[in-house]
Amino acid sequence: MAALLPLLPRVAAAEVAQMGVSEAAPGVFVHVGKYALVNAENGGDISNACCILGTSAVAIIDTGGSYRVGKALLEAIQQITDKPIRYIINTHMHPDHVLGNAAFEGIGAEFIGHHNLPAALAARAESYLRNARERIGDEGFAGTKIVLPTKLVTDTLDLDLGGRRLTLKARPTAHTNNDLTIFDSATKIFFLGDLLFSGHIPTLDGSIVGWLKLIPELMREKAARAIPGHGPRSMPWPQAILAEQRYLETIARDVRAMIKDGKTIDEAIASAGQTERGKWQLFDEHNGMNVTAAFTELEWE
């Protein structure tokens, strides 16, 4: 227990909860985003963000979907600990995970991401910012901008926070072409970003073949629990990913069958994956896009 004392927050658990974060394990704090599309009411606060305390430094994993969300996260962390925030880790390119980065500029932190992240963000910066402004509104969007990583992960990278080591690993194309996972040596918690969804339907912006190939590899990670990009603050591992695997397998199977039968992409959108309806939130908002991405990929097999 003595070794964990430097990781204890400066405020009581009830105060931490009031700030919108909760402790998932010693020194690991999670803000759980809403299951919703980005809008003015939530301000882009729809994904999970994490804070990991070491004895000498702090790492943040994902920062939310606007400057305002990132600023609220920063202020909460500064009340929890006086340790310096040394690393901002982005798990992938999607705006609900990276647009809060701007709130962490100027504090001396490194911004870390997958080696494909800079090109992915640069290619989408204009549309990401335009869409965020339209959905959140000018007031909620104020201060939001793209902040590119200053340090890239090409394979693996270890970060020492003091008393705990984080191992970052660049993954092949799956949810996106720039997915990064993080493993905490102290708690055996696996941070997967949007390689893991729970409750919120998975969204496909990379390769369904690659994602299904990667899942068994992820399941071999010797983790006790996992934290998803969308879902509860922590989940048992590897059981946490089984529902997502089933969904992706269903989409792939249905789409392949329809391609074989000469069906069109519109016919696939209308019927593929429908056995999963009722098992996921935001199904109607995202399933059609997932089917479209899968059909476009699988028709060339």
Protein backbone atom coordinates (compact mmCIF):
# COMPACT_ATOMS: atom_id res chain seq x y z
CA MET A 1 0.00 0.00 0.00
CA ALA A 2 2.86 2.39 0.75
CA ALA A 3 3.96 2.25 -2.88
CA LEU A 4 0.53 3.51 -3.95
CA LEU A 5 0.46 6.52 -1.64
CA PRO A 6 2.10 8.92 -4.15
CA LEU A 7 -0.71 8.04 -6.58
CA LEU A 8 -3.53 9.06 -4.27
CA PRO A 9 -5.52 12.09 -5.47
CA ARG A 10 -5.32 15.36 -3.57
CA VAL A 11 -9.11 15.45 -3.22
CA ALA A 12 -11.68 12.97 -1.92
CA ALA A 13 -13.29 10.40 -4.16
CA ALA A 14 -16.62 12.23 -4.00
CA GLU A 15 -14.96 15.44 -5.20
CA VAL A 16 -13.25 13.55 -8.02
CA ALA A 17 -16.62 12.19 -9.13
CA GLN A 18 -18.11 15.69 -9.09
CA MET A 19 -15.40 16.72 -11.55
CA GLY A 20 -16.66 14.13 -14.00
CA VAL A 21 -13.93 11.54 -13.51
CA SER A 22 -13.71 8.37 -11.45
CA GLU A 23 -10.87 6.12 -10.33
CA ALA A 24 -10.84 2.84 -12.24
CA ALA A 25 -7.69 1.55 -10.48
CA PRO A 26 -4.98 3.08 -8.28
CA GLY A 27 -3.73 6.15 -10.11
CA VAL A 28 -6.00 5.61 -13.16
CA PHE A 29 -8.84 8.10 -13.62
CA VAL A 30 -11.46 7.92 -16.36
CA HIS A 31 -13.93 10.42 -17.75
CA VAL A 32 -16.76 8.55 -19.48
CA GLY A 33 -18.17 10.28 -22.54
CA LYS A 34 -21.82 10.30 -23.52
CA TYR A 35 -23.36 7.80 -25.96
CA ALA A 36 -24.48 10.43 -28.46
CA LEU A 37 -23.63 12.23 -31.66
CA VAL A 38 -21.72 15.48 -31.25
CA ASN A 39 -24.08 18.40 -30.61
CA ALA A 40 -24.24 21.76 -28.86
CA GLU A 41 -25.56 20.22 -25.67
CA ASN A 42 -22.64 17.80 -25.15
CA GLY A 43 -20.02 20.07 -26.75
CA GLY A 44 -18.16 17.11 -28.23
CA ASP A 45 -17.97 15.19 -24.95
CA ILE A 46 -18.78 11.76 -26.40
CA SER A 47 -15.63 9.68 -25.84
CA ASN A 48 -13.66 8.41 -22.86
CA ALA A 49 -10.58 10.24 -21.62
CA CYS A 50 -8.06 8.85 -19.13
CA CYS A 51 -5.49 10.22 -16.71
CA ILE A 52 -2.66 8.04 -15.37
CA LEU A 53 -0.64 9.18 -12.37
CA GLY A 54 2.93 8.17 -11.72
CA THR A 55 5.14 9.26 -8.85
CA SER A 56 6.88 11.83 -11.05
CA ALA A 57 4.59 12.54 -14.02
CA VAL A 58 1.11 12.24 -15.50
CA ALA A 59 -0.10 10.94 -18.88
CA ILE A 60 -3.42 11.78 -20.51
CA ILE A 61 -5.04 9.42 -23.00
CA ASP A 62 -7.36 11.32 -25.39
CA THR A 63 -8.69 14.79 -24.67
CA GLY A 64 -12.28 15.01 -25.93
CA GLY A 65 -14.00 16.66 -28.85
CA SER A 66 -13.42 20.38 -28.25
CA TYR A 67 -11.17 22.86 -26.48
CA ARG A 68 -13.86 23.30 -23.83
CA VAL A 69 -13.98 19.56 -23.06
CA GLY A 70 -10.18 19.41 -22.93
CA LYS A 71 -10.03 22.44 -20.63
CA ALA A 72 -12.52 20.88 -18.20
CA LEU A 73 -10.44 17.69 -18.19
CA LEU A 74 -7.24 19.66 -17.54
CA GLU A 75 -8.81 21.56 -14.66
CA ALA A 76 -10.08 18.35 -13.08
CA ILE A 77 -6.65 16.72 -13.33
CA GLN A 78 -4.96 19.75 -11.79
CA GLN A 79 -7.24 19.40 -8.78
CA ILE A 80 -6.49 15.66 -8.51
CA THR A 81 -2.69 15.91 -8.65
CA ASP A 82 0.12 18.46 -8.65
CA LYS A 83 2.39 16.17 -10.70
CA PRO A 84 3.34 17.58 -14.12
CA ILE A 85 1.37 16.43 -17.15
CA ARG A 86 4.19 15.19 -19.35
CA TYR A 87 2.41 13.22 -22.07
CA ILE A 88 -0.78 13.65 -24.12
CA ILE A 89 -1.45 10.38 -25.94
CA ASN A 90 -3.96 10.25 -28.78
CA THR A 91 -5.26 6.77 -29.55
CA HIS A 92 -6.31 7.71 -33.11
CA MET A 93 -7.40 10.55 -35.37
CA HIS A 94 -11.13 10.94 -34.71
CA PRO A 95 -12.14 14.44 -33.60
CA ASP A 96 -14.00 13.34 -30.47
CA HIS A 97 -10.64 12.07 -29.17
CA VAL A 98 -8.22 14.80 -30.31
CA LEU A 99 -9.91 18.20 -30.52
CA GLY A 100 -9.37 18.81 -26.81
CA ASN A 101 -5.59 18.78 -27.35
CA ALA A 102 -5.43 22.56 -27.65
CA ALA A 103 -6.28 22.92 -23.95
CA PHE A 104 -3.01 21.15 -23.10
CA GLU A 105 -0.71 23.32 -25.21
CA GLY A 106 1.82 25.42 -23.34
CA ILE A 107 2.16 23.15 -20.29
CA GLY A 108 5.33 21.41 -21.48
CA ALA A 109 3.71 18.12 -22.49
CA GLU A 110 4.63 15.98 -25.47
CA PHE A 111 1.82 15.01 -27.84
CA ILE A 112 2.20 11.36 -28.84
CA GLY A 113 0.49 9.40 -31.60
CA HIS A 114 0.73 6.64 -34.20
CA HIS A 115 3.19 7.37 -37.01
CA ASN A 116 0.25 7.66 -39.45
CA LEU A 117 -1.58 10.18 -37.27
CA PRO A 118 -0.06 13.43 -38.62
CA ALA A 119 -0.97 12.67 -42.23
CA ALA A 120 -4.44 11.44 -41.25
CA LEU A 121 -5.19 14.59 -39.25
CA ALA A 122 -3.73 16.92 -41.87
CA ALA A 123 -5.88 15.38 -44.58
CA ARG A 124 -9.07 15.77 -42.51
CA ALA A 125 -8.35 18.92 -40.50
CA GLU A 126 -10.60 21.23 -42.49
CA SER A 127 -13.61 18.91 -42.47
CA TYR A 128 -13.12 17.92 -38.81
CA LEU A 129 -13.05 21.55 -37.68
CA ARG A 130 -15.90 22.65 -39.93
CA ASN A 131 -18.14 19.80 -38.79
CA ALA A 132 -17.31 20.37 -35.13
CA ARG A 133 -18.14 24.08 -35.37
CA GLU A 134 -21.43 23.34 -37.13
CA ARG A 135 -22.49 20.73 -34.58
CA ILE A 136 -21.24 22.37 -31.38
CA GLY A 137 -21.82 26.01 -32.26
CA ASP A 138 -19.41 28.94 -32.23
CA GLU A 139 -19.40 29.40 -28.46
CA GLY A 140 -18.73 25.75 -27.62
CA PHE A 141 -16.18 25.47 -30.44
CA ALA A 142 -14.09 28.50 -29.40
CA GLY A 143 -10.39 27.68 -29.04
CA THR A 144 -10.67 24.32 -30.78
CA LYS A 145 -7.97 23.44 -33.31
CA ILE A 146 -5.91 20.54 -34.59
CA VAL A 147 -2.74 19.87 -32.58
CA LEU A 148 -0.39 17.43 -34.31
CA PRO A 149 1.76 14.94 -32.37
CA THR A 150 5.30 15.94 -31.50
CA LYS A 151 6.43 12.34 -30.94
CA LEU A 152 5.47 9.36 -33.11
CA VAL A 153 5.20 5.65 -32.37
CA THR A 154 6.32 3.44 -35.25
CA ASP A 155 6.31 0.15 -33.32
CA THR A 156 6.41 0.35 -29.51
CA LEU A 157 7.35 3.09 -27.09
CA ASP A 158 7.78 2.89 -23.30
CA LEU A 159 7.01 5.89 -21.12
CA ASP A 160 8.17 6.07 -17.48
CA LEU A 161 5.80 8.01 -15.21
CA GLY A 162 7.66 7.04 -12.05
CA GLY A 163 6.58 3.78 -10.45
CA ARG A 164 4.72 2.69 -13.57
CA ARG A 165 5.62 2.08 -17.18
CA LEU A 166 3.25 2.64 -20.08
CA THR A 167 3.85 0.62 -23.24
CA LEU A 168 2.45 2.20 -26.37
CA LYS A 169 2.02 0.07 -29.49
CA ALA A 170 1.19 1.17 -33.03
CA ARG A 171 -1.37 -1.18 -34.54
CA PRO A 172 -2.02 -2.10 -38.18
CA THR A 173 -5.08 -0.69 -39.95
CA ALA A 174 -8.26 -1.68 -38.12
CA HIS A 175 -10.67 0.92 -36.70
CA THR A 176 -8.46 3.48 -38.50
CA ASN A 177 -4.99 3.36 -40.02
CA ASN A 178 -3.55 5.07 -36.93
CA ASP A 179 -4.73 3.08 -33.89
CA LEU A 180 -2.54 3.11 -30.80
CA THR A 181 -2.93 0.98 -27.66
CA ILE A 182 -1.46 1.59 -24.22
CA PHE A 183 -0.69 -0.95 -21.48
CA ASP A 184 -0.08 0.08 -17.86
CA SER A 185 2.46 -2.15 -16.09
CA ALA A 186 1.29 -1.11 -12.61
CA THR A 187 -2.38 -2.07 -12.90
CA LYS A 188 -2.36 -4.38 -15.96
CA ILE A 189 -4.99 -2.12 -17.55
CA PHE A 190 -5.20 -2.08 -21.35
CA PHE A 191 -6.27 1.20 -22.97
CA LEU A 192 -7.63 0.49 -26.45
CA GLY A 193 -9.21 3.72 -27.65
CA ASP A 194 -11.74 2.90 -30.35
CA LEU A 195 -10.36 -0.56 -30.96
CA LEU A 196 -12.84 -1.37 -28.19
CA PHE A 197 -16.47 -0.25 -28.09
CA SER A 198 -19.05 -1.32 -25.51
CA GLY A 199 -22.71 -0.35 -25.65
CA HIS A 200 -21.97 2.24 -28.35
CA ILE A 201 -21.92 0.53 -31.76
CA PRO A 202 -18.42 0.11 -33.24
CA THR A 203 -17.58 2.46 -36.10
CA LEU A 204 -15.45 1.42 -39.05
CA ASP A 205 -13.05 3.89 -40.67
CA GLY A 206 -10.20 1.56 -41.56
CA SER A 207 -10.41 -2.11 -42.51
CA ILE A 208 -12.93 -4.69 -41.33
CA VAL A 209 -10.54 -7.45 -42.43
CA GLY A 210 -7.71 -5.84 -40.51
CA TRP A 211 -9.84 -5.27 -37.41
CA LEU A 212 -11.04 -8.87 -37.28
CA LYS A 213 -7.47 -10.07 -37.77
CA LEU A 214 -6.21 -7.81 -34.99
CA ILE A 215 -8.79 -8.77 -32.35
CA PRO A 216 -7.27 -12.21 -31.55
CA GLU A 217 -3.88 -10.54 -31.16
CA LEU A 218 -5.34 -7.96 -28.78
CA MET A 219 -7.02 -10.73 -26.78
CA ARG A 220 -3.62 -12.27 -26.04
CA GLU A 221 -2.55 -9.19 -24.10
CA LYS A 222 -1.98 -10.19 -20.46
CA ALA A 223 -4.32 -7.54 -19.11
CA ALA A 224 -6.66 -7.67 -16.13
CA ARG A 225 -9.07 -5.02 -17.38
CA ALA A 226 -9.58 -2.81 -20.41
CA ILE A 227 -10.81 0.73 -20.93
CA PRO A 228 -12.75 1.34 -24.16
CA GLY A 229 -12.89 4.48 -26.25
CA HIS A 230 -16.67 4.39 -25.81
CA GLY A 231 -18.18 2.43 -22.95
CA PRO A 232 -17.87 2.01 -19.17
CA ARG A 233 -14.86 3.15 -17.19
CA SER A 234 -13.33 -0.35 -17.25
CA MET A 235 -14.20 -3.90 -18.30
CA PRO A 236 -12.81 -7.41 -17.72
CA TRP A 237 -10.34 -8.50 -20.39
CA PRO A 238 -10.55 -10.22 -22.88
CA GLN A 239 -14.31 -10.74 -22.43
CA ALA A 240 -14.84 -7.03 -23.12
CA ILE A 241 -14.19 -7.36 -26.84
CA LEU A 242 -16.38 -10.39 -27.61
CA ALA A 243 -19.54 -8.42 -28.46
CA GLU A 244 -17.60 -6.15 -30.81
CA GLN A 245 -16.00 -9.17 -32.48
CA ARG A 246 -19.45 -10.71 -33.00
CA TYR A 247 -20.78 -7.51 -34.56
CA LEU A 248 -17.88 -7.15 -36.98
CA GLU A 249 -18.05 -10.84 -37.92
CA THR A 250 -21.78 -10.43 -38.60
CA ILE A 251 -21.22 -7.43 -40.87
CA ALA A 252 -18.44 -9.20 -42.76
CA ARG A 253 -20.47 -12.40 -43.18
CA ASP A 254 -23.63 -10.59 -44.32
CA VAL A 255 -21.80 -8.32 -46.75
CA ARG A 256 -19.80 -11.16 -48.28
CA ALA A 257 -23.00 -13.17 -48.82
CA MET A 258 -24.70 -10.22 -50.51
CA ILE A 259 -21.71 -9.54 -52.75
CA LYS A 260 -21.69 -13.22 -53.76
CA ASP A 261 -25.41 -12.98 -54.58
CA GLY A 262 -24.88 -9.90 -56.75
CA LYS A 263 -26.67 -7.50 -54.39
CA THR A 264 -26.02 -3.76 -54.54
CA ILE A 265 -24.47 -1.66 -51.82
CA ASP A 266 -27.86 -0.04 -51.15
CA GLU A 267 -29.39 -3.48 -50.62
CA ALA A 268 -26.55 -4.33 -48.24
CA ILE A 269 -27.06 -1.12 -46.26
CA ALA A 270 -30.74 -1.99 -45.81
CA SER A 271 -30.20 -5.51 -44.47
CA ALA A 272 -26.61 -6.32 -43.42
CA GLY A 273 -26.08 -6.50 -39.69
CA GLN A 274 -29.75 -6.19 -38.80
CA THR A 275 -29.57 -9.13 -36.38
CA GLU A 276 -27.44 -6.82 -34.22
CA ARG A 277 -30.18 -4.20 -33.96
CA GLY A 278 -31.18 -3.68 -30.35
CA LYS A 279 -27.77 -4.77 -29.07
CA TRP A 280 -26.07 -1.41 -29.61
CA GLN A 281 -26.80 2.23 -28.99
CA LEU A 282 -26.61 4.51 -32.07
CA PHE A 283 -27.19 1.52 -34.36
CA ASP A 284 -29.24 3.46 -36.90
CA GLU A 285 -26.74 6.31 -36.95
CA HIS A 286 -23.68 4.16 -37.71
CA ASN A 287 -24.55 0.69 -39.01
CA GLY A 288 -25.20 1.87 -42.56
CA MET A 289 -21.84 3.62 -42.71
CA ASN A 290 -20.14 0.50 -41.38
CA VAL A 291 -21.81 -1.64 -44.03
CA THR A 292 -20.79 0.85 -46.72
CA ALA A 293 -17.14 0.74 -45.62
CA ALA A 294 -17.19 -3.07 -45.38
CA PHE A 295 -18.86 -3.49 -48.80
CA THR A 296 -16.37 -1.14 -50.45
CA GLU A 297 -13.49 -3.16 -49.02
CA LEU A 298 -14.84 -6.68 -49.40
CA GLU A 299 -16.09 -6.38 -52.99
CA TRP A 300 -12.44 -6.39 -54.05
CA GLU A 301 -11.49 -9.60 -52.25
